[in-house]
């Protein structure tokens, strides 16, 4: 089976999820404008916002073949070799990468993890059940 017929829609699904759900909120420092209007003092406060497309980078998008129609999610799927796009989106502010199989969110990986970087270079990312090894910065599975 082949899920490669709509690459733009697949990428749009992944980016939409990253912007509205998957990516972490961004915290930043700003002037407390209410305080400034009253006192003209430059008091700073911490604010939070959702990321936009400009805060995210599409690091990779490549076809990956899986042993069933469940892709890398595991569970029940047809026993047919299935190819779908694997998409990796990096949060420029946190050091995390969001991984998508066929446009669906799979897991978050540490962008500095050497095992993750090697597998990304080989274009062969692990399935969800094996993704814990991508969490720690050194590539060792978190305890």
N, C-alpha and C. Protein backbone atom coordinates (compact mmCIF):
# COMPACT_ATOMS: atom_id res chain seq x y z
N UNK A 1 0.85 -1.18 0.00
CA UNK A 1 0.00 0.00 0.00
C UNK A 1 0.89 1.24 0.00
N UNK A 2 0.41 2.31 -0.59
CA UNK A 2 1.21 3.50 -0.76
C UNK A 2 0.41 4.74 -0.33
N UNK A 3 0.94 5.48 0.65
CA UNK A 3 0.29 6.71 1.11
C UNK A 3 1.06 7.94 0.65
N UNK A 4 1.66 7.88 -0.52
CA UNK A 4 2.50 8.97 -1.00
C UNK A 4 1.80 9.86 -2.02
N UNK A 5 0.51 9.68 -2.23
CA UNK A 5 -0.19 10.40 -3.29
C UNK A 5 -0.57 11.84 -2.94
N UNK A 6 -0.50 12.26 -1.67
CA UNK A 6 -0.86 13.63 -1.29
C UNK A 6 0.20 14.24 -0.37
N UNK A 7 1.39 14.54 -0.87
CA UNK A 7 2.45 15.05 0.00
C UNK A 7 2.14 16.40 0.62
N UNK A 8 1.50 17.29 -0.11
CA UNK A 8 1.20 18.63 0.42
C UNK A 8 0.19 18.52 1.56
N UNK A 9 -0.85 17.72 1.38
CA UNK A 9 -1.85 17.55 2.43
C UNK A 9 -1.25 16.88 3.66
N UNK A 10 -0.37 15.91 3.45
CA UNK A 10 0.29 15.22 4.56
C UNK A 10 1.13 16.20 5.36
N UNK A 11 1.90 17.04 4.68
CA UNK A 11 2.72 18.04 5.36
C UNK A 11 1.85 19.08 6.06
N UNK A 12 0.77 19.50 5.42
CA UNK A 12 -0.14 20.47 6.04
C UNK A 12 -0.77 19.90 7.31
N UNK A 13 -1.13 18.63 7.31
CA UNK A 13 -1.70 17.99 8.51
C UNK A 13 -0.68 18.01 9.65
N UNK A 14 0.56 17.66 9.33
CA UNK A 14 1.61 17.63 10.36
C UNK A 14 1.88 19.03 10.90
N UNK A 15 2.01 20.01 10.02
CA UNK A 15 2.29 21.38 10.45
C UNK A 15 1.12 21.95 11.26
N UNK A 16 -0.09 21.66 10.84
CA UNK A 16 -1.26 22.12 11.60
C UNK A 16 -1.27 21.55 13.01
N UNK A 17 -0.99 20.28 13.14
CA UNK A 17 -0.93 19.66 14.46
C UNK A 17 0.17 20.30 15.30
N UNK A 18 1.34 20.51 14.70
CA UNK A 18 2.47 21.09 15.44
C UNK A 18 2.12 22.48 15.96
N UNK A 19 1.50 23.31 15.13
CA UNK A 19 1.18 24.69 15.53
C UNK A 19 0.10 24.72 16.61
N UNK A 20 -0.95 23.94 16.45
CA UNK A 20 -2.11 24.06 17.34
C UNK A 20 -2.09 23.12 18.54
N UNK A 21 -1.33 22.01 18.45
CA UNK A 21 -1.37 21.01 19.53
C UNK A 21 0.01 20.54 19.95
N UNK A 22 0.81 20.07 19.02
CA UNK A 22 2.02 19.31 19.32
C UNK A 22 3.18 20.08 19.89
N UNK A 23 3.47 21.25 19.35
CA UNK A 23 4.63 22.02 19.80
C UNK A 23 4.37 22.65 21.17
N UNK A 24 5.43 22.87 21.88
CA UNK A 24 5.35 23.48 23.22
C UNK A 24 5.01 24.95 23.12
N UNK A 25 4.36 25.47 24.15
CA UNK A 25 4.13 26.91 24.23
C UNK A 25 5.47 27.63 24.35
N UNK A 26 5.51 28.85 23.87
CA UNK A 26 6.71 29.67 23.94
C UNK A 26 6.54 30.70 25.05
N UNK A 27 7.51 30.75 25.95
CA UNK A 27 7.52 31.76 27.00
C UNK A 27 8.53 32.84 26.62
N UNK A 28 8.16 34.08 26.84
CA UNK A 28 9.04 35.20 26.50
C UNK A 28 8.80 36.34 27.48
N UNK A 29 9.77 37.23 27.53
CA UNK A 29 9.68 38.38 28.42
C UNK A 29 9.16 39.58 27.64
N UNK A 30 8.26 40.35 28.26
CA UNK A 30 7.70 41.53 27.62
C UNK A 30 7.48 42.61 28.68
N UNK A 31 7.28 43.81 28.22
CA UNK A 31 6.97 44.91 29.13
C UNK A 31 5.56 44.71 29.68
N UNK A 32 5.37 45.02 30.93
CA UNK A 32 4.03 45.03 31.54
C UNK A 32 3.38 46.36 31.15
N UNK A 33 2.62 46.30 30.08
CA UNK A 33 2.08 47.54 29.51
C UNK A 33 1.08 48.22 30.43
N UNK A 34 0.29 47.50 31.18
CA UNK A 34 -0.65 48.12 32.12
C UNK A 34 0.11 48.91 33.18
N UNK A 35 1.16 48.30 33.72
CA UNK A 35 1.99 48.98 34.73
C UNK A 35 2.67 50.20 34.11
N UNK A 36 3.15 50.06 32.89
CA UNK A 36 3.87 51.15 32.22
C UNK A 36 2.93 52.35 31.96
N UNK A 37 1.70 52.07 31.56
CA UNK A 37 0.74 53.15 31.29
C UNK A 37 0.47 53.98 32.54
N UNK A 38 0.47 53.33 33.71
CA UNK A 38 0.17 54.03 34.97
C UNK A 38 1.39 54.72 35.55
N UNK A 39 2.56 54.08 35.46
CA UNK A 39 3.72 54.59 36.21
C UNK A 39 4.90 55.00 35.34
N UNK A 40 4.90 54.63 34.06
CA UNK A 40 6.02 54.85 33.14
C UNK A 40 7.27 54.09 33.55
N UNK A 41 7.12 53.10 34.44
CA UNK A 41 8.23 52.21 34.83
C UNK A 41 8.29 51.04 33.84
N UNK A 42 9.51 50.62 33.53
CA UNK A 42 9.71 49.50 32.61
C UNK A 42 9.77 48.19 33.39
N UNK A 43 8.62 47.73 33.84
CA UNK A 43 8.53 46.46 34.56
C UNK A 43 8.34 45.33 33.54
N UNK A 44 9.07 44.21 33.72
CA UNK A 44 9.01 43.09 32.80
C UNK A 44 8.19 41.94 33.38
N UNK A 45 7.47 41.24 32.50
CA UNK A 45 6.68 40.07 32.91
C UNK A 45 6.92 38.95 31.90
N UNK A 46 6.62 37.74 32.31
CA UNK A 46 6.73 36.56 31.45
C UNK A 46 5.36 36.31 30.82
N UNK A 47 5.35 36.14 29.50
CA UNK A 47 4.12 35.84 28.78
C UNK A 47 4.29 34.51 28.05
N UNK A 48 3.18 33.93 27.65
CA UNK A 48 3.17 32.65 26.94
C UNK A 48 2.33 32.80 25.68
N UNK A 49 2.81 32.17 24.60
CA UNK A 49 2.04 32.16 23.36
C UNK A 49 2.24 30.82 22.65
N UNK A 50 1.36 30.54 21.72
CA UNK A 50 1.50 29.36 20.86
C UNK A 50 2.51 29.67 19.76
N UNK A 51 3.23 28.66 19.30
CA UNK A 51 4.15 28.88 18.17
C UNK A 51 3.37 29.13 16.88
N UNK A 52 4.03 29.77 15.94
CA UNK A 52 3.48 29.93 14.60
C UNK A 52 4.35 29.12 13.63
N UNK A 53 3.99 29.13 12.38
CA UNK A 53 4.77 28.40 11.38
C UNK A 53 6.21 28.90 11.32
N UNK A 54 6.42 30.19 11.63
CA UNK A 54 7.76 30.76 11.58
C UNK A 54 8.65 30.26 12.72
N UNK A 55 8.06 29.70 13.76
CA UNK A 55 8.83 29.17 14.89
C UNK A 55 9.22 27.72 14.69
N UNK A 56 8.75 27.10 13.62
CA UNK A 56 8.97 25.67 13.37
C UNK A 56 9.70 25.47 12.06
N UNK A 57 10.56 24.45 12.01
CA UNK A 57 11.31 24.12 10.80
C UNK A 57 10.99 22.69 10.38
N UNK A 58 10.67 22.50 9.11
CA UNK A 58 10.52 21.15 8.58
C UNK A 58 11.93 20.66 8.28
N UNK A 59 12.41 19.73 9.11
CA UNK A 59 13.77 19.22 9.02
C UNK A 59 13.86 18.13 7.95
N UNK A 60 12.84 17.31 7.84
CA UNK A 60 12.89 16.20 6.89
C UNK A 60 11.47 15.77 6.51
N UNK A 61 11.37 15.27 5.29
CA UNK A 61 10.13 14.64 4.81
C UNK A 61 10.58 13.60 3.79
N UNK A 62 10.37 12.34 4.13
CA UNK A 62 10.85 11.27 3.27
C UNK A 62 9.90 10.07 3.35
N UNK A 63 9.84 9.25 2.30
CA UNK A 63 9.03 8.05 2.36
C UNK A 63 9.71 6.98 3.21
N UNK A 64 8.92 6.32 4.03
CA UNK A 64 9.43 5.23 4.86
C UNK A 64 8.46 4.06 4.73
N UNK A 65 8.99 2.86 4.60
CA UNK A 65 8.17 1.67 4.41
C UNK A 65 8.04 0.92 5.73
N UNK A 66 6.81 0.51 6.02
CA UNK A 66 6.47 -0.20 7.26
C UNK A 66 5.93 -1.58 6.91
N UNK A 67 5.94 -2.49 7.88
CA UNK A 67 5.50 -3.86 7.67
C UNK A 67 4.00 -4.07 7.71
N UNK A 68 3.22 -3.01 8.03
CA UNK A 68 1.77 -3.14 8.04
C UNK A 68 1.14 -1.78 7.77
N UNK A 69 -0.16 -1.78 7.59
CA UNK A 69 -0.87 -0.53 7.34
C UNK A 69 -0.99 0.33 8.60
N UNK A 70 -0.57 -0.18 9.75
CA UNK A 70 -0.57 0.60 10.99
C UNK A 70 0.62 1.56 11.04
N UNK A 71 1.46 1.54 10.01
CA UNK A 71 2.67 2.36 9.94
C UNK A 71 3.52 2.10 11.17
N UNK A 72 4.07 3.13 11.78
CA UNK A 72 4.93 2.96 12.96
C UNK A 72 4.18 3.06 14.26
N UNK A 73 2.85 2.99 14.21
CA UNK A 73 2.04 3.14 15.43
C UNK A 73 1.79 1.83 16.14
N UNK A 74 2.01 0.71 15.48
CA UNK A 74 1.72 -0.59 16.09
C UNK A 74 0.22 -0.84 16.09
N UNK A 75 -0.19 -1.89 16.77
CA UNK A 75 -1.61 -2.20 16.83
C UNK A 75 -2.06 -3.00 15.62
N UNK A 76 -3.35 -2.98 15.40
CA UNK A 76 -3.94 -3.79 14.34
C UNK A 76 -3.83 -3.05 13.01
N UNK A 77 -3.28 -3.72 12.05
CA UNK A 77 -3.15 -3.17 10.70
C UNK A 77 -3.06 -4.31 9.72
N UNK A 78 -3.37 -4.04 8.50
CA UNK A 78 -3.28 -5.07 7.47
C UNK A 78 -1.83 -5.49 7.26
N UNK A 79 -1.61 -6.75 6.99
CA UNK A 79 -0.25 -7.28 6.81
C UNK A 79 0.22 -7.01 5.40
N UNK A 80 0.40 -5.74 5.09
CA UNK A 80 0.87 -5.35 3.76
C UNK A 80 1.97 -4.32 3.92
N UNK A 81 3.01 -4.45 3.14
CA UNK A 81 4.06 -3.44 3.16
C UNK A 81 3.43 -2.10 2.78
N UNK A 82 3.66 -1.08 3.62
CA UNK A 82 3.00 0.21 3.43
C UNK A 82 4.03 1.32 3.47
N UNK A 83 4.00 2.19 2.49
CA UNK A 83 4.92 3.32 2.43
C UNK A 83 4.14 4.60 2.69
N UNK A 84 4.67 5.42 3.59
CA UNK A 84 4.05 6.70 3.93
C UNK A 84 5.16 7.71 4.24
N UNK A 85 4.81 8.99 4.15
CA UNK A 85 5.80 10.01 4.48
C UNK A 85 6.05 10.07 5.97
N UNK A 86 7.33 10.14 6.32
CA UNK A 86 7.76 10.46 7.68
C UNK A 86 8.18 11.92 7.64
N UNK A 87 7.63 12.71 8.55
CA UNK A 87 7.90 14.15 8.60
C UNK A 87 8.48 14.48 9.96
N UNK A 88 9.54 15.28 9.98
CA UNK A 88 10.17 15.71 11.22
C UNK A 88 10.14 17.23 11.24
N UNK A 89 9.52 17.79 12.29
CA UNK A 89 9.40 19.24 12.47
C UNK A 89 10.14 19.61 13.75
N UNK A 90 11.07 20.55 13.64
CA UNK A 90 11.87 20.96 14.80
C UNK A 90 11.33 22.26 15.38
N UNK A 91 11.19 22.26 16.70
CA UNK A 91 10.84 23.49 17.42
C UNK A 91 12.14 24.27 17.58
N UNK A 92 12.23 25.44 17.00
CA UNK A 92 13.45 26.22 17.06
C UNK A 92 13.79 26.75 18.43
N UNK A 93 12.86 26.68 19.37
CA UNK A 93 13.03 27.29 20.68
C UNK A 93 13.24 26.27 21.80
N UNK A 94 12.94 25.00 21.57
CA UNK A 94 13.02 24.02 22.66
C UNK A 94 14.04 22.92 22.43
N UNK A 95 14.47 22.70 21.22
CA UNK A 95 15.38 21.60 20.95
C UNK A 95 14.68 20.27 20.77
N UNK A 96 13.37 20.29 20.56
CA UNK A 96 12.61 19.06 20.33
C UNK A 96 12.24 18.93 18.86
N UNK A 97 12.06 17.69 18.43
CA UNK A 97 11.54 17.41 17.10
C UNK A 97 10.24 16.63 17.24
N UNK A 98 9.24 17.01 16.47
CA UNK A 98 7.98 16.29 16.42
C UNK A 98 8.03 15.38 15.20
N UNK A 99 7.70 14.10 15.39
CA UNK A 99 7.78 13.11 14.33
C UNK A 99 6.36 12.69 13.95
N UNK A 100 6.12 12.64 12.64
CA UNK A 100 4.80 12.28 12.10
C UNK A 100 4.97 11.16 11.09
N UNK A 101 4.05 10.19 11.12
CA UNK A 101 4.00 9.13 10.13
C UNK A 101 2.69 9.29 9.36
N UNK A 102 2.79 9.50 8.06
CA UNK A 102 1.58 9.68 7.25
C UNK A 102 0.77 10.89 7.65
N UNK A 103 1.41 11.91 8.21
CA UNK A 103 0.73 13.12 8.63
C UNK A 103 0.15 13.06 10.02
N UNK A 104 0.25 11.91 10.69
CA UNK A 104 -0.28 11.75 12.05
C UNK A 104 0.87 11.82 13.05
N UNK A 105 0.65 12.51 14.17
CA UNK A 105 1.68 12.66 15.19
C UNK A 105 2.05 11.30 15.78
N UNK A 106 3.36 11.05 15.87
CA UNK A 106 3.85 9.79 16.43
C UNK A 106 4.50 10.02 17.79
N UNK A 107 5.52 10.90 17.87
CA UNK A 107 6.22 11.14 19.13
C UNK A 107 7.11 12.37 19.02
N UNK A 108 7.65 12.77 20.18
CA UNK A 108 8.61 13.86 20.26
C UNK A 108 9.99 13.27 20.54
N UNK A 109 11.00 13.80 19.86
CA UNK A 109 12.37 13.33 20.04
C UNK A 109 13.26 14.52 20.40
N UNK A 110 14.34 14.24 21.13
CA UNK A 110 15.33 15.26 21.46
C UNK A 110 16.18 15.50 20.22
N UNK A 111 16.23 16.74 19.74
CA UNK A 111 16.94 17.06 18.50
C UNK A 111 18.45 16.90 18.61
N UNK A 112 18.98 16.76 19.83
CA UNK A 112 20.42 16.57 20.01
C UNK A 112 20.80 15.12 20.28
N UNK A 113 19.82 14.24 20.26
CA UNK A 113 20.05 12.82 20.51
C UNK A 113 20.79 12.20 19.33
N UNK A 114 21.96 11.63 19.60
CA UNK A 114 22.81 11.10 18.53
C UNK A 114 22.17 9.91 17.80
N UNK A 115 21.45 9.07 18.51
CA UNK A 115 20.76 7.94 17.88
C UNK A 115 19.68 8.44 16.94
N UNK A 116 18.93 9.44 17.38
CA UNK A 116 17.89 10.04 16.55
C UNK A 116 18.50 10.66 15.29
N UNK A 117 19.58 11.42 15.45
CA UNK A 117 20.23 12.07 14.31
C UNK A 117 20.75 11.05 13.31
N UNK A 118 21.32 9.95 13.82
CA UNK A 118 21.83 8.89 12.94
C UNK A 118 20.67 8.24 12.17
N UNK A 119 19.59 7.89 12.88
CA UNK A 119 18.44 7.26 12.23
C UNK A 119 17.78 8.22 11.24
N UNK A 120 17.74 9.51 11.57
CA UNK A 120 17.19 10.51 10.66
C UNK A 120 18.03 10.59 9.39
N UNK A 121 19.34 10.55 9.56
CA UNK A 121 20.25 10.57 8.41
C UNK A 121 20.04 9.34 7.52
N UNK A 122 19.76 8.20 8.14
CA UNK A 122 19.51 6.96 7.39
C UNK A 122 18.08 6.89 6.84
N UNK A 123 17.25 7.85 7.24
CA UNK A 123 15.83 7.89 6.86
C UNK A 123 15.10 6.62 7.28
N UNK A 124 15.34 6.24 8.53
CA UNK A 124 14.71 5.03 9.09
C UNK A 124 14.45 5.26 10.58
N UNK A 125 13.38 6.03 10.89
CA UNK A 125 13.06 6.30 12.28
C UNK A 125 12.32 5.14 12.91
N UNK A 126 12.47 5.03 14.22
CA UNK A 126 11.88 3.93 14.97
C UNK A 126 10.37 4.12 15.11
N UNK A 127 9.69 2.99 15.30
CA UNK A 127 8.26 3.04 15.54
C UNK A 127 7.98 3.60 16.94
N UNK A 128 6.75 3.92 17.21
CA UNK A 128 6.37 4.57 18.47
C UNK A 128 6.80 3.75 19.68
N UNK A 129 6.63 2.46 19.64
CA UNK A 129 6.96 1.62 20.80
C UNK A 129 8.46 1.60 21.12
N UNK A 130 9.30 2.01 20.19
CA UNK A 130 10.75 2.03 20.40
C UNK A 130 11.31 3.45 20.52
N UNK A 131 10.45 4.45 20.57
CA UNK A 131 10.89 5.84 20.49
C UNK A 131 11.49 6.40 21.78
N UNK A 132 11.40 5.69 22.89
CA UNK A 132 11.95 6.20 24.16
C UNK A 132 13.46 6.44 24.06
N UNK A 133 14.13 5.72 23.21
CA UNK A 133 15.58 5.90 23.05
C UNK A 133 15.93 7.28 22.48
N UNK A 134 14.96 7.94 21.86
CA UNK A 134 15.19 9.27 21.28
C UNK A 134 14.98 10.42 22.28
N UNK A 135 14.62 10.12 23.51
CA UNK A 135 14.28 11.18 24.48
C UNK A 135 15.50 11.81 25.13
N UNK A 136 16.47 11.01 25.52
CA UNK A 136 17.65 11.52 26.25
C UNK A 136 18.63 12.16 25.26
N UNK A 137 19.38 13.17 25.69
CA UNK A 137 20.33 13.83 24.78
C UNK A 137 21.43 12.90 24.27
N UNK A 138 21.81 11.88 25.03
CA UNK A 138 22.93 11.03 24.64
C UNK A 138 22.51 9.77 23.87
N UNK A 139 21.22 9.58 23.65
CA UNK A 139 20.77 8.44 22.88
C UNK A 139 20.51 7.20 23.71
N UNK A 140 20.71 7.28 25.03
CA UNK A 140 20.41 6.15 25.89
C UNK A 140 18.98 6.27 26.37
N UNK A 141 18.32 5.14 26.49
CA UNK A 141 16.92 5.15 26.90
C UNK A 141 16.81 5.70 28.32
N UNK A 142 15.86 6.60 28.51
CA UNK A 142 15.65 7.21 29.83
C UNK A 142 15.21 6.14 30.83
N UNK A 143 15.69 6.28 32.06
CA UNK A 143 15.33 5.28 33.09
C UNK A 143 14.14 5.73 33.88
